[in-house]
Amino acid sequence: MTNPNLGQPVKNKHKVPKKQWNKWTNHARRVFNDMFYSLRPSMQFAFLHPAAIAAPKEHWETTRWNVAWQAASAVNDKREGRLAGVKPDGNPRAKTLKRMPKSERKLKAKTLKRRARRGK
């Protein structure tokens, strides 16, 4: 497998904030650009039920952005081996918090303590 950080730099065509763009690997950047392009307004019909009404253009733009962002983040996390709440064997029901950032672990621990106090 080739190193995703090598090769030609990927152009930030869609004005992703620089802070996030620099966090992603070249592969994740390509995924963002490709997903954003493939969800262009003229392709909306490919993602909707035939009887559904097309979303207004500004709503579809938000959907495009969110889908492309999530895809790029997932690719980046997968490459870096960070899947919060999932053990290395791939069991999503496993109760592990090792891979979450420290701030998220603290928040999750507080939430679990509150639920325990309430009896849930």
PDB file of N, CA and C in Angstrom:
ATOM      1  N   MET A   1       0.847  -1.182   0.000  1.00  0.00           N
ATOM      2  CA  MET A   1       0.000   0.000   0.000  1.00  0.00           C
ATOM      3  C   MET A   1       0.889   1.239   0.000  1.00  0.00           C
ATOM      4  N   THR A   2       0.505   2.213  -0.771  1.00  0.00           N
ATOM      5  CA  THR A   2       1.316   3.424  -0.857  1.00  0.00           C
ATOM      6  C   THR A   2       1.003   4.366   0.302  1.00  0.00           C
ATOM      7  N   ASN A   3       1.948   5.212   0.587  1.00  0.00           N
ATOM      8  CA  ASN A   3       1.781   6.178   1.671  1.00  0.00           C
ATOM      9  C   ASN A   3       0.830   7.275   1.205  1.00  0.00           C
ATOM     10  N   PRO A   4      -0.304   7.496   1.911  1.00  0.00           N
ATOM     11  CA  PRO A   4      -1.278   8.489   1.476  1.00  0.00           C
ATOM     12  C   PRO A   4      -0.793   9.925   1.616  1.00  0.00           C
ATOM     13  N   ASN A   5       0.278  10.146   2.358  1.00  0.00           N
ATOM     14  CA  ASN A   5       0.774  11.512   2.534  1.00  0.00           C
ATOM     15  C   ASN A   5       1.786  11.907   1.473  1.00  0.00           C
ATOM     16  N   LEU A   6       2.164  10.971   0.632  1.00  0.00           N
ATOM     17  CA  LEU A   6       3.099  11.273  -0.445  1.00  0.00           C
ATOM     18  C   LEU A   6       2.324  11.570  -1.717  1.00  0.00           C
ATOM     19  N   GLY A   7       3.024  12.031  -2.722  1.00  0.00           N
ATOM     20  CA  GLY A   7       2.362  12.309  -3.992  1.00  0.00           C
ATOM     21  C   GLY A   7       1.998  13.771  -4.110  1.00  0.00           C
ATOM     22  N   GLN A   8       1.172  14.035  -5.090  1.00  0.00           N
ATOM     23  CA  GLN A   8       0.778  15.407  -5.378  1.00  0.00           C
ATOM     24  C   GLN A   8      -0.113  15.966  -4.268  1.00  0.00           C
ATOM     25  N   PRO A   9       0.099  17.228  -3.884  1.00  0.00           N
ATOM     26  CA  PRO A   9      -0.792  17.829  -2.899  1.00  0.00           C
ATOM     27  C   PRO A   9      -2.205  17.955  -3.487  1.00  0.00           C
ATOM     28  N   VAL A  10      -3.191  17.887  -2.644  1.00  0.00           N
ATOM     29  CA  VAL A  10      -4.582  17.975  -3.081  1.00  0.00           C
ATOM     30  C   VAL A  10      -5.071  19.398  -2.850  1.00  0.00           C
ATOM     31  N   LYS A  11      -5.653  19.978  -3.879  1.00  0.00           N
ATOM     32  CA  LYS A  11      -6.107  21.364  -3.803  1.00  0.00           C
ATOM     33  C   LYS A  11      -7.399  21.461  -2.991  1.00  0.00           C
ATOM     34  N   ASN A  12      -7.487  22.472  -2.159  1.00  0.00           N
ATOM     35  CA  ASN A  12      -8.671  22.734  -1.348  1.00  0.00           C
ATOM     36  C   ASN A  12      -9.682  23.495  -2.211  1.00  0.00           C
ATOM     37  N   LYS A  13     -10.385  22.759  -3.075  1.00  0.00           N
ATOM     38  CA  LYS A  13     -11.291  23.362  -4.054  1.00  0.00           C
ATOM     39  C   LYS A  13     -12.538  23.981  -3.430  1.00  0.00           C
ATOM     40  N   HIS A  14     -12.966  23.434  -2.295  1.00  0.00           N
ATOM     41  CA  HIS A  14     -14.260  23.820  -1.749  1.00  0.00           C
ATOM     42  C   HIS A  14     -14.163  24.629  -0.455  1.00  0.00           C
ATOM     43  N   LYS A  15     -13.002  25.205  -0.216  1.00  0.00           N
ATOM     44  CA  LYS A  15     -12.768  26.121   0.906  1.00  0.00           C
ATOM     45  C   LYS A  15     -13.066  25.499   2.273  1.00  0.00           C
ATOM     46  N   VAL A  16     -12.532  24.298   2.482  1.00  0.00           N
ATOM     47  CA  VAL A  16     -12.604  23.673   3.802  1.00  0.00           C
ATOM     48  C   VAL A  16     -11.709  24.503   4.721  1.00  0.00           C
ATOM     49  N   PRO A  17     -12.117  24.749   5.962  1.00  0.00           N
ATOM     50  CA  PRO A  17     -11.247  25.517   6.860  1.00  0.00           C
ATOM     51  C   PRO A  17      -9.842  24.913   6.921  1.00  0.00           C
ATOM     52  N   LYS A  18      -8.853  25.775   6.843  1.00  0.00           N
ATOM     53  CA  LYS A  18      -7.456  25.342   6.735  1.00  0.00           C
ATOM     54  C   LYS A  18      -7.028  24.443   7.898  1.00  0.00           C
ATOM     55  N   LYS A  19      -7.531  24.726   9.086  1.00  0.00           N
ATOM     56  CA  LYS A  19      -7.163  23.931  10.262  1.00  0.00           C
ATOM     57  C   LYS A  19      -7.555  22.463  10.057  1.00  0.00           C
ATOM     58  N   GLN A  20      -8.770  22.238   9.547  1.00  0.00           N
ATOM     59  CA  GLN A  20      -9.223  20.859   9.316  1.00  0.00           C
ATOM     60  C   GLN A  20      -8.527  20.263   8.104  1.00  0.00           C
ATOM     61  N   TRP A  21      -8.370  21.033   7.053  1.00  0.00           N
ATOM     62  CA  TRP A  21      -7.741  20.533   5.824  1.00  0.00           C
ATOM     63  C   TRP A  21      -6.337  20.005   6.125  1.00  0.00           C
ATOM     64  N   ASN A  22      -5.615  20.703   6.986  1.00  0.00           N
ATOM     65  CA  ASN A  22      -4.256  20.290   7.316  1.00  0.00           C
ATOM     66  C   ASN A  22      -4.224  19.045   8.207  1.00  0.00           C
ATOM     67  N   LYS A  23      -5.317  18.751   8.912  1.00  0.00           N
ATOM     68  CA  LYS A  23      -5.378  17.546   9.745  1.00  0.00           C
ATOM     69  C   LYS A  23      -5.572  16.286   8.906  1.00  0.00           C
ATOM     70  N   TRP A  24      -6.243  16.417   7.759  1.00  0.00           N
ATOM     71  CA  TRP A  24      -6.553  15.253   6.932  1.00  0.00           C
ATOM     72  C   TRP A  24      -5.353  14.818   6.110  1.00  0.00           C
ATOM     73  N   THR A  25      -5.305  13.512   5.820  1.00  0.00           N
ATOM     74  CA  THR A  25      -4.285  12.987   4.913  1.00  0.00           C
ATOM     75  C   THR A  25      -4.679  13.359   3.487  1.00  0.00           C
ATOM     76  N   ASN A  26      -3.739  13.177   2.551  1.00  0.00           N
ATOM     77  CA  ASN A  26      -4.056  13.446   1.147  1.00  0.00           C
ATOM     78  C   ASN A  26      -5.216  12.585   0.677  1.00  0.00           C
ATOM     79  N   HIS A  27      -5.253  11.340   1.155  1.00  0.00           N
ATOM     80  CA  HIS A  27      -6.339  10.436   0.766  1.00  0.00           C
ATOM     81  C   HIS A  27      -7.683  10.983   1.246  1.00  0.00           C
ATOM     82  N   ALA A  28      -7.759  11.444   2.486  1.00  0.00           N
ATOM     83  CA  ALA A  28      -9.003  12.004   3.018  1.00  0.00           C
ATOM     84  C   ALA A  28      -9.398  13.273   2.259  1.00  0.00           C
ATOM     85  N   ARG A  29      -8.434  14.064   1.888  1.00  0.00           N
ATOM     86  CA  ARG A  29      -8.720  15.278   1.112  1.00  0.00           C
ATOM     87  C   ARG A  29      -9.323  14.928  -0.245  1.00  0.00           C
ATOM     88  N   ARG A  30      -8.751  13.903  -0.891  1.00  0.00           N
ATOM     89  CA  ARG A  30      -9.298  13.455  -2.180  1.00  0.00           C
ATOM     90  C   ARG A  30     -10.719  12.932  -2.010  1.00  0.00           C
ATOM     91  N   VAL A  31     -10.949  12.191  -0.928  1.00  0.00           N
ATOM     92  CA  VAL A  31     -12.293  11.673  -0.664  1.00  0.00           C
ATOM     93  C   VAL A  31     -13.268  12.833  -0.504  1.00  0.00           C
ATOM     94  N   PHE A  32     -12.884  13.868   0.228  1.00  0.00           N
ATOM     95  CA  PHE A  32     -13.769  15.026   0.398  1.00  0.00           C
ATOM     96  C   PHE A  32     -14.101  15.633  -0.963  1.00  0.00           C
ATOM     97  N   ASN A  33     -13.088  15.925  -1.758  1.00  0.00           N
ATOM     98  CA  ASN A  33     -13.325  16.555  -3.062  1.00  0.00           C
ATOM     99  C   ASN A  33     -14.183  15.672  -3.961  1.00  0.00           C
ATOM    100  N   ASP A  34     -13.915  14.370  -3.979  1.00  0.00           N
ATOM    101  CA  ASP A  34     -14.672  13.449  -4.833  1.00  0.00           C
ATOM    102  C   ASP A  34     -16.127  13.326  -4.376  1.00  0.00           C
ATOM    103  N   MET A  35     -16.330  13.212  -3.073  1.00  0.00           N
ATOM    104  CA  MET A  35     -17.693  13.099  -2.560  1.00  0.00           C
ATOM    105  C   MET A  35     -18.476  14.381  -2.816  1.00  0.00           C
ATOM    106  N   PHE A  36     -17.840  15.509  -2.588  1.00  0.00           N
ATOM    107  CA  PHE A  36     -18.526  16.784  -2.786  1.00  0.00           C
ATOM    108  C   PHE A  36     -18.938  16.926  -4.246  1.00  0.00           C
ATOM    109  N   TYR A  37     -18.046  16.522  -5.149  1.00  0.00           N
ATOM    110  CA  TYR A  37     -18.355  16.614  -6.575  1.00  0.00           C
ATOM    111  C   TYR A  37     -19.474  15.636  -6.957  1.00  0.00           C
ATOM    112  N   SER A  38     -19.402  14.403  -6.437  1.00  0.00           N
ATOM    113  CA  SER A  38     -20.393  13.401  -6.834  1.00  0.00           C
ATOM    114  C   SER A  38     -21.794  13.713  -6.318  1.00  0.00           C
ATOM    115  N   LEU A  39     -21.900  14.564  -5.316  1.00  0.00           N
ATOM    116  CA  LEU A  39     -23.205  14.947  -4.777  1.00  0.00           C
ATOM    117  C   LEU A  39     -23.691  16.283  -5.327  1.00  0.00           C
ATOM    118  N   ARG A  40     -23.223  16.651  -6.492  1.00  0.00           N
ATOM    119  CA  ARG A  40     -23.644  17.927  -7.081  1.00  0.00           C
ATOM    120  C   ARG A  40     -25.169  17.929  -7.288  1.00  0.00           C
ATOM    121  N   PRO A  41     -25.778  19.117  -7.347  1.00  0.00           N
ATOM    122  CA  PRO A  41     -27.245  19.205  -7.413  1.00  0.00           C
ATOM    123  C   PRO A  41     -27.884  18.399  -8.537  1.00  0.00           C
ATOM    124  N   SER A  42     -27.241  18.288  -9.669  1.00  0.00           N
ATOM    125  CA  SER A  42     -27.841  17.535 -10.769  1.00  0.00           C
ATOM    126  C   SER A  42     -27.873  16.029 -10.491  1.00  0.00           C
ATOM    127  N   MET A  43     -27.148  15.562  -9.464  1.00  0.00           N
ATOM    128  CA  MET A  43     -27.134  14.136  -9.124  1.00  0.00           C
ATOM    129  C   MET A  43     -28.022  13.822  -7.928  1.00  0.00           C
ATOM    130  N   GLN A  44     -28.794  14.781  -7.472  1.00  0.00           N
ATOM    131  CA  GLN A  44     -29.636  14.577  -6.296  1.00  0.00           C
ATOM    132  C   GLN A  44     -30.594  13.409  -6.489  1.00  0.00           C
ATOM    133  N   PHE A  45     -31.063  13.200  -7.719  1.00  0.00           N
ATOM    134  CA  PHE A  45     -32.013  12.127  -7.993  1.00  0.00           C
ATOM    135  C   PHE A  45     -31.442  10.752  -7.647  1.00  0.00           C
ATOM    136  N   ALA A  46     -30.127  10.598  -7.706  1.00  0.00           N
ATOM    137  CA  ALA A  46     -29.501   9.300  -7.442  1.00  0.00           C
ATOM    138  C   ALA A  46     -29.525   8.926  -5.962  1.00  0.00           C
ATOM    139  N   PHE A  47     -29.782   9.892  -5.090  1.00  0.00           N
ATOM    140  CA  PHE A  47     -29.734   9.657  -3.657  1.00  0.00           C
ATOM    141  C   PHE A  47     -31.108   9.762  -2.991  1.00  0.00           C
ATOM    142  N   LEU A  48     -32.139  10.008  -3.778  1.00  0.00           N
ATOM    143  CA  LEU A  48     -33.479  10.166  -3.216  1.00  0.00           C
ATOM    144  C   LEU A  48     -34.407   9.058  -3.702  1.00  0.00           C
ATOM    145  N   HIS A  49     -35.431   8.801  -2.931  1.00  0.00           N
ATOM    146  CA  HIS A  49     -36.474   7.874  -3.332  1.00  0.00           C
ATOM    147  C   HIS A  49     -37.174   8.475  -4.553  1.00  0.00           C
ATOM    148  N   PRO A  50     -37.597   7.643  -5.496  1.00  0.00           N
ATOM    149  CA  PRO A  50     -38.236   8.192  -6.706  1.00  0.00           C
ATOM    150  C   PRO A  50     -39.461   9.065  -6.425  1.00  0.00           C
ATOM    151  N   ALA A  51     -40.188   8.777  -5.353  1.00  0.00           N
ATOM    152  CA  ALA A  51     -41.380   9.566  -5.046  1.00  0.00           C
ATOM    153  C   ALA A  51     -41.071  10.793  -4.182  1.00  0.00           C
ATOM    154  N   ALA A  52     -39.827  10.939  -3.752  1.00  0.00           N
ATOM    155  CA  ALA A  52     -39.459  12.055  -2.880  1.00  0.00           C
ATOM    156  C   ALA A  52     -39.327  13.352  -3.677  1.00  0.00           C
ATOM    157  N   ILE A  53     -39.579  14.430  -2.985  1.00  0.00           N
ATOM    158  CA  ILE A  53     -39.427  15.758  -3.585  1.00  0.00           C
ATOM    159  C   ILE A  53     -37.978  16.189  -3.383  1.00  0.00           C
ATOM    160  N   ALA A  54     -37.400  16.772  -4.404  1.00  0.00           N
ATOM    161  CA  ALA A  54     -36.011  17.224  -4.310  1.00  0.00           C
ATOM    162  C   ALA A  54     -35.873  18.322  -3.265  1.00  0.00           C
ATOM    163  N   ALA A  55     -34.749  18.308  -2.564  1.00  0.00           N
ATOM    164  CA  ALA A  55     -34.480  19.314  -1.538  1.00  0.00           C
ATOM    165  C   ALA A  55     -34.127  20.642  -2.202  1.00  0.00           C
ATOM    166  N   PRO A  56     -34.452  21.764  -1.547  1.00  0.00           N
ATOM    167  CA  PRO A  56     -34.029  23.061  -2.086  1.00  0.00           C
ATOM    168  C   PRO A  56     -32.504  23.103  -2.220  1.00  0.00           C
ATOM    169  N   LYS A  57     -32.028  23.920  -3.133  1.00  0.00           N
ATOM    170  CA  LYS A  57     -30.600  23.959  -3.434  1.00  0.00           C
ATOM    171  C   LYS A  57     -29.741  24.226  -2.199  1.00  0.00           C
ATOM    172  N   GLU A  58     -30.132  25.180  -1.354  1.00  0.00           N
ATOM    173  CA  GLU A  58     -29.314  25.506  -0.182  1.00  0.00           C
ATOM    174  C   GLU A  58     -29.291  24.353   0.831  1.00  0.00           C
ATOM    175  N   HIS A  59     -30.390  23.612   0.913  1.00  0.00           N
ATOM    176  CA  HIS A  59     -30.402  22.444   1.813  1.00  0.00           C
ATOM    177  C   HIS A  59     -29.513  21.340   1.264  1.00  0.00           C
ATOM    178  N   TRP A  60     -29.561  21.164  -0.051  1.00  0.00           N
ATOM    179  CA  TRP A  60     -28.728  20.131  -0.669  1.00  0.00           C
ATOM    180  C   TRP A  60     -27.242  20.476  -0.514  1.00  0.00           C
ATOM    181  N   GLU A  61     -26.897  21.745  -0.582  1.00  0.00           N
ATOM    182  CA  GLU A  61     -25.503  22.163  -0.381  1.00  0.00           C
ATOM    183  C   GLU A  61     -25.010  21.776   1.008  1.00  0.00           C
ATOM    184  N   THR A  62     -25.859  21.952   2.004  1.00  0.00           N
ATOM    185  CA  THR A  62     -25.502  21.571   3.375  1.00  0.00           C
ATOM    186  C   THR A  62     -25.327  20.067   3.474  1.00  0.00           C
ATOM    187  N   THR A  63     -26.231  19.329   2.845  1.00  0.00           N
ATOM    188  CA  THR A  63     -26.138  17.862   2.855  1.00  0.00           C
ATOM    189  C   THR A  63     -24.856  17.409   2.173  1.00  0.00           C
ATOM    190  N   ARG A  64     -24.541  17.997   1.025  1.00  0.00           N
ATOM    191  CA  ARG A  64     -23.304  17.656   0.306  1.00  0.00           C
ATOM    192  C   ARG A  64     -22.090  17.856   1.199  1.00  0.00           C
ATOM    193  N   TRP A  65     -22.037  19.021   1.827  1.00  0.00           N
ATOM    194  CA  TRP A  65     -20.900  19.371   2.683  1.00  0.00           C
ATOM    195  C   TRP A  65     -20.762  18.361   3.814  1.00  0.00           C
ATOM    196  N   ASN A  66     -21.877  18.065   4.494  1.00  0.00           N
ATOM    197  CA  ASN A  66     -21.842  17.158   5.635  1.00  0.00           C
ATOM    198  C   ASN A  66     -21.430  15.747   5.240  1.00  0.00           C
ATOM    199  N   VAL A  67     -21.949  15.257   4.123  1.00  0.00           N
ATOM    200  CA  VAL A  67     -21.599  13.908   3.665  1.00  0.00           C
ATOM    201  C   VAL A  67     -20.118  13.836   3.314  1.00  0.00           C
ATOM    202  N   ALA A  68     -19.627  14.813   2.578  1.00  0.00           N
ATOM    203  CA  ALA A  68     -18.215  14.817   2.180  1.00  0.00           C
ATOM    204  C   ALA A  68     -17.307  14.923   3.407  1.00  0.00           C
ATOM    205  N   TRP A  69     -17.677  15.760   4.366  1.00  0.00           N
ATOM    206  CA  TRP A  69     -16.888  15.948   5.589  1.00  0.00           C
ATOM    207  C   TRP A  69     -16.827  14.640   6.378  1.00  0.00           C
ATOM    208  N   GLN A  70     -17.991  13.996   6.564  1.00  0.00           N
ATOM    209  CA  GLN A  70     -18.030  12.748   7.322  1.00  0.00           C
ATOM    210  C   GLN A  70     -17.218  11.657   6.633  1.00  0.00           C
ATOM    211  N   ALA A  71     -17.299  11.584   5.321  1.00  0.00           N
ATOM    212  CA  ALA A  71     -16.539  10.573   4.580  1.00  0.00           C
ATOM    213  C   ALA A  71     -15.036  10.804   4.738  1.00  0.00           C
ATOM    214  N   ALA A  72     -14.610  12.046   4.599  1.00  0.00           N
ATOM    215  CA  ALA A  72     -13.184  12.357   4.737  1.00  0.00           C
ATOM    216  C   ALA A  72     -12.696  12.083   6.158  1.00  0.00           C
ATOM    217  N   SER A  73     -13.499  12.450   7.142  1.00  0.00           N
ATOM    218  CA  SER A  73     -13.115  12.200   8.533  1.00  0.00           C
ATOM    219  C   SER A  73     -13.038  10.715   8.833  1.00  0.00           C
ATOM    220  N   ALA A  74     -13.973   9.944   8.287  1.00  0.00           N
ATOM    221  CA  ALA A  74     -13.969   8.493   8.509  1.00  0.00           C
ATOM    222  C   ALA A  74     -12.742   7.853   7.875  1.00  0.00           C
ATOM    223  N   VAL A  75     -12.405   8.276   6.672  1.00  0.00           N
ATOM    224  CA  VAL A  75     -11.217   7.740   5.992  1.00  0.00           C
ATOM    225  C   VAL A  75      -9.968   8.093   6.784  1.00  0.00           C
ATOM    226  N   ASN A  76      -9.892   9.321   7.253  1.00  0.00           N
ATOM    227  CA  ASN A  76      -8.730   9.767   8.017  1.00  0.00           C
ATOM    228  C   ASN A  76      -8.614   8.990   9.328  1.00  0.00           C
ATOM    229  N   ASP A  77      -9.725   8.837  10.041  1.00  0.00           N
ATOM    230  CA  ASP A  77      -9.717   8.099  11.301  1.00  0.00           C
ATOM    231  C   ASP A  77      -9.351   6.638  11.085  1.00  0.00           C
ATOM    232  N   LYS A  78      -9.856   6.047  10.021  1.00  0.00           N
ATOM    233  CA  LYS A  78      -9.568   4.644   9.725  1.00  0.00           C
ATOM    234  C   LYS A  78      -8.077   4.464   9.447  1.00  0.00           C
ATOM    235  N   ARG A  79      -7.505   5.370   8.697  1.00  0.00           N
ATOM    236  CA  ARG A  79      -6.076   5.278   8.378  1.00  0.00           C
ATOM    237  C   ARG A  79      -5.215   5.446   9.620  1.00  0.00           C
ATOM    238  N   GLU A  80      -5.684   6.277  10.557  1.00  0.00           N
ATOM    239  CA  GLU A  80      -4.906   6.521  11.773  1.00  0.00           C
ATOM    240  C   GLU A  80      -5.262   5.527  12.876  1.00  0.00           C
ATOM    241  N   GLY A  81      -6.210   4.624  12.609  1.00  0.00           N
ATOM    242  CA  GLY A  81      -6.576   3.608  13.576  1.00  0.00           C
ATOM    243  C   GLY A  81      -7.371   4.134  14.745  1.00  0.00           C
ATOM    244  N   ARG A  82      -8.109   5.230  14.539  1.00  0.00           N
ATOM    245  CA  ARG A  82      -8.907   5.803  15.631  1.00  0.00           C
ATOM    246  C   ARG A  82     -10.384   5.564  15.365  1.00  0.00           C
ATOM    247  N   LEU A  83     -10.946   4.622  16.055  1.00  0.00           N
ATOM    248  CA  LEU A  83     -12.383   4.421  15.995  1.00  0.00           C
ATOM    249  C   LEU A  83     -12.877   4.436  17.430  1.00  0.00           C
ATOM    250  N   ALA A  84     -13.409   5.545  17.853  1.00  0.00           N
ATOM    251  CA  ALA A  84     -13.807   5.715  19.250  1.00  0.00           C
ATOM    252  C   ALA A  84     -14.845   4.690  19.658  1.00  0.00           C
ATOM    253  N   GLY A  85     -14.602   4.055  20.791  1.00  0.00           N
ATOM    254  CA  GLY A  85     -15.557   3.109  21.326  1.00  0.00           C
ATOM    255  C   GLY A  85     -15.542   1.739  20.679  1.00  0.00           C
ATOM    256  N   VAL A  86     -14.572   1.456  19.834  1.00  0.00           N
ATOM    257  CA  VAL A  86     -14.506   0.155  19.168  1.00  0.00           C
ATOM    258  C   VAL A  86     -13.187  -0.515  19.517  1.00  0.00           C
ATOM    259  N   LYS A  87     -13.265  -1.749  19.984  1.00  0.00           N
ATOM    260  CA  LYS A  87     -12.052  -2.496  20.311  1.00  0.00           C
ATOM    261  C   LYS A  87     -11.365  -2.937  19.017  1.00  0.00           C
ATOM    262  N   PRO A  88     -10.083  -3.306  19.101  1.00  0.00           N
ATOM    263  CA  PRO A  88      -9.363  -3.721  17.895  1.00  0.00           C
ATOM    264  C   PRO A  88     -10.011  -4.905  17.176  1.00  0.00           C
ATOM    265  N   ASP A  89     -10.773  -5.751  17.888  1.00  0.00           N
ATOM    266  CA  ASP A  89     -11.409  -6.885  17.215  1.00  0.00           C
ATOM    267  C   ASP A  89     -12.644  -6.449  16.417  1.00  0.00           C
ATOM    268  N   GLY A  90     -13.022  -5.162  16.501  1.00  0.00           N
ATOM    269  CA  GLY A  90     -14.121  -4.625  15.700  1.00  0.00           C
ATOM    270  C   GLY A  90     -15.482  -4.718  16.365  1.00  0.00           C
ATOM    271  N   ASN A  91     -15.547  -5.097  17.629  1.00  0.00           N
ATOM    272  CA  ASN A  91     -16.817  -5.226  18.319  1.00  0.00           C
ATOM    273  C   ASN A  91     -17.293  -3.843  18.785  1.00  0.00           C
ATOM    274  N   PRO A  92     -18.337  -3.280  18.144  1.00  0.00           N
ATOM    275  CA  PRO A  92     -18.779  -1.937  18.530  1.00  0.00           C
ATOM    276  C   PRO A  92     -19.470  -1.895  19.885  1.00  0.00           C
ATOM    277  N   ARG A  93     -19.908  -3.035  20.402  1.00  0.00           N
ATOM    278  CA  ARG A  93     -20.584  -3.059  21.697  1.00  0.00           C
ATOM    279  C   ARG A  93     -19.595  -3.080  22.862  1.00  0.00           C
ATOM    280  N   ALA A  94     -18.333  -3.191  22.546  1.00  0.00           N
ATOM    281  CA  ALA A  94     -17.314  -3.250  23.592  1.00  0.00           C
ATOM    282  C   ALA A  94     -17.250  -1.925  24.334  1.00  0.00           C
ATOM    283  N   LYS A  95     -17.060  -1.988  25.627  1.00  0.00           N
ATOM    284  CA  LYS A  95     -16.983  -0.775  26.444  1.00  0.00           C
ATOM    285  C   LYS A  95     -15.525  -0.385  26.633  1.00  0.00           C
ATOM    286  N   THR A  96     -14.956   0.211  25.627  1.00  0.00           N
ATOM    287  CA  THR A  96     -13.588   0.691  25.749  1.00  0.00           C
ATOM    288  C   THR A  96     -13.568   2.178  25.440  1.00  0.00           C
ATOM    289  N   LEU A  97     -12.803   2.898  26.201  1.00  0.00           N
ATOM    290  CA  LEU A  97     -12.711   4.336  25.995  1.00  0.00           C
ATOM    291  C   LEU A  97     -11.269   4.748  25.731  1.00  0.00           C
ATOM    292  N   LYS A  98     -10.418   3.765  25.493  1.00  0.00           N
ATOM    293  CA  LYS A  98      -8.992   4.053  25.354  1.00  0.00           C
ATOM    294  C   LYS A  98      -8.670   4.981  24.199  1.00  0.00           C
ATOM    295  N   ARG A  99      -9.366   4.841  23.099  1.00  0.00           N
ATOM    296  CA  ARG A  99      -8.980   5.587  21.911  1.00  0.00           C
ATOM    297  C   ARG A  99      -9.637   6.947  21.792  1.00  0.00           C
ATOM    298  N   MET A 100     -10.558   7.248  22.668  1.00  0.00           N
ATOM    299  CA  MET A 100     -11.191   8.568  22.610  1.00  0.00           C
ATOM    300  C   MET A 100     -10.234   9.622  23.158  1.00  0.00           C
ATOM    301  N   PRO A 101     -10.345  10.852  22.667  1.00  0.00           N
ATOM    302  CA  PRO A 101      -9.550  11.926  23.257  1.00  0.00           C
ATOM    303  C   PRO A 101      -9.911  12.080  24.732  1.00  0.00           C
ATOM    304  N   LYS A 102      -8.969  12.584  25.505  1.00  0.00           N
ATOM    305  CA  LYS A 102      -9.131  12.673  26.952  1.00  0.00           C
ATOM    306  C   LYS A 102     -10.380  13.470  27.344  1.00  0.00           C
ATOM    307  N   SER A 103     -10.639  14.577  26.662  1.00  0.00           N
ATOM    308  CA  SER A 103     -11.802  15.398  26.999  1.00  0.00           C
ATOM    309  C   SER A 103     -13.102  14.616  26.793  1.00  0.00           C
ATOM    310  N   GLU A 104     -13.170  13.809  25.726  1.00  0.00           N
ATOM    311  CA  GLU A 104     -14.363  13.011  25.470  1.00  0.00           C
ATOM    312  C   GLU A 104     -14.517  11.905  26.502  1.00  0.00           C
ATOM    313  N   ARG A 105     -13.402  11.308  26.924  1.00  0.00           N
ATOM    314  CA  ARG A 105     -13.462  10.253  27.935  1.00  0.00           C
ATOM    315  C   ARG A 105     -14.038  10.804  29.234  1.00  0.00           C
ATOM    316  N   LYS A 106     -13.581  12.013  29.625  1.00  0.00           N
ATOM    317  CA  LYS A 106     -14.075  12.620  30.859  1.00  0.00           C
ATOM    318  C   LYS A 106     -15.572  12.893  30.757  1.00  0.00           C
ATOM    319  N   LEU A 107     -16.004  13.436  29.623  1.00  0.00           N
ATOM    320  CA  LEU A 107     -17.412  13.729  29.422  1.00  0.00           C
ATOM    321  C   LEU A 107     -18.243  12.449  29.471  1.00  0.00           C
ATOM    322  N   LYS A 108     -17.760  11.403  28.818  1.00  0.00           N
ATOM    323  CA  LYS A 108     -18.472  10.125  28.803  1.00  0.00           C
ATOM    324  C   LYS A 108     -18.562   9.547  30.215  1.00  0.00           C
ATOM    325  N   ALA A 109     -17.475   9.631  30.977  1.00  0.00           N
ATOM    326  CA  ALA A 109     -17.460   9.115  32.343  1.00  0.00           C
ATOM    327  C   ALA A 109     -18.469   9.862  33.210  1.00  0.00           C
ATOM    328  N   LYS A 110     -18.528  11.190  33.042  1.00  0.00           N
ATOM    329  CA  LYS A 110     -19.495  11.990  33.809  1.00  0.00           C
ATOM    330  C   LYS A 110     -20.924  11.585  33.462  1.00  0.00           C
ATOM    331  N   THR A 111     -21.183  11.396  32.177  1.00  0.00           N
ATOM    332  CA  THR A 111     -22.515  10.999  31.732  1.00  0.00           C
ATOM    333  C   THR A 111     -22.902   9.648  32.311  1.00  0.00           C
ATOM    334  N   LEU A 112     -21.980   8.697  32.299  1.00  0.00           N
ATOM    335  CA  LEU A 112     -22.256   7.366  32.841  1.00  0.00           C
ATOM    336  C   LEU A 112     -22.516   7.428  34.347  1.00  0.00           C
ATOM    337  N   LYS A 113     -21.772   8.264  35.060  1.00  0.00           N
ATOM    338  CA  LYS A 113     -21.979   8.412  36.500  1.00  0.00           C
ATOM    339  C   LYS A 113     -23.361   8.999  36.793  1.00  0.00           C
ATOM    340  N   ARG A 114     -23.759  10.027  36.006  1.00  0.00           N
ATOM    341  CA  ARG A 114     -25.070  10.642  36.199  1.00  0.00           C
ATOM    342  C   ARG A 114     -26.188   9.626  35.967  1.00  0.00           C
ATOM    343  N   ARG A 115     -26.061   8.827  34.924  1.00  0.00           N
ATOM    344  CA  ARG A 115     -27.067   7.805  34.640  1.00  0.00           C
ATOM    345  C   ARG A 115     -27.143   6.770  35.754  1.00  0.00           C
ATOM    346  N   ALA A 116     -25.990   6.398  36.302  1.00  0.00           N
ATOM    347  CA  ALA A 116     -25.957   5.418  37.368  1.00  0.00           C
ATOM    348  C   ALA A 116     -26.669   5.975  38.604  1.00  0.00           C
ATOM    349  N   ARG A 117     -26.464   7.268  38.883  1.00  0.00           N
ATOM    350  CA  ARG A 117     -27.117   7.886  40.034  1.00  0.00           C
ATOM    351  C   ARG A 117     -28.637   7.926  39.862  1.00  0.00           C
ATOM    352  N   ARG A 118     -29.084   8.142  38.622  1.00  0.00           N
ATOM    353  CA  ARG A 118     -30.517   8.205  38.351  1.00  0.00           C
ATOM    354  C   ARG A 118     -31.153   6.824  38.254  1.00  0.00           C
ATOM    355  N   GLY A 119     -30.323   5.791  38.184  1.00  0.00           N
ATOM    356  CA  GLY A 119     -30.845   4.436  38.109  1.00  0.00           C
ATOM    357  C   GLY A 119     -31.150   3.964  36.705  1.00  0.00           C
ATOM    358  N   LYS A 120     -30.566   4.603  35.702  1.00  0.00           N
ATOM    359  CA  LYS A 120     -30.805   4.200  34.311  1.00  0.00           C
ATOM    360  C   LYS A 120     -29.724   3.291  33.823  1.00  0.00           C
TER     361      LYS A 120
END
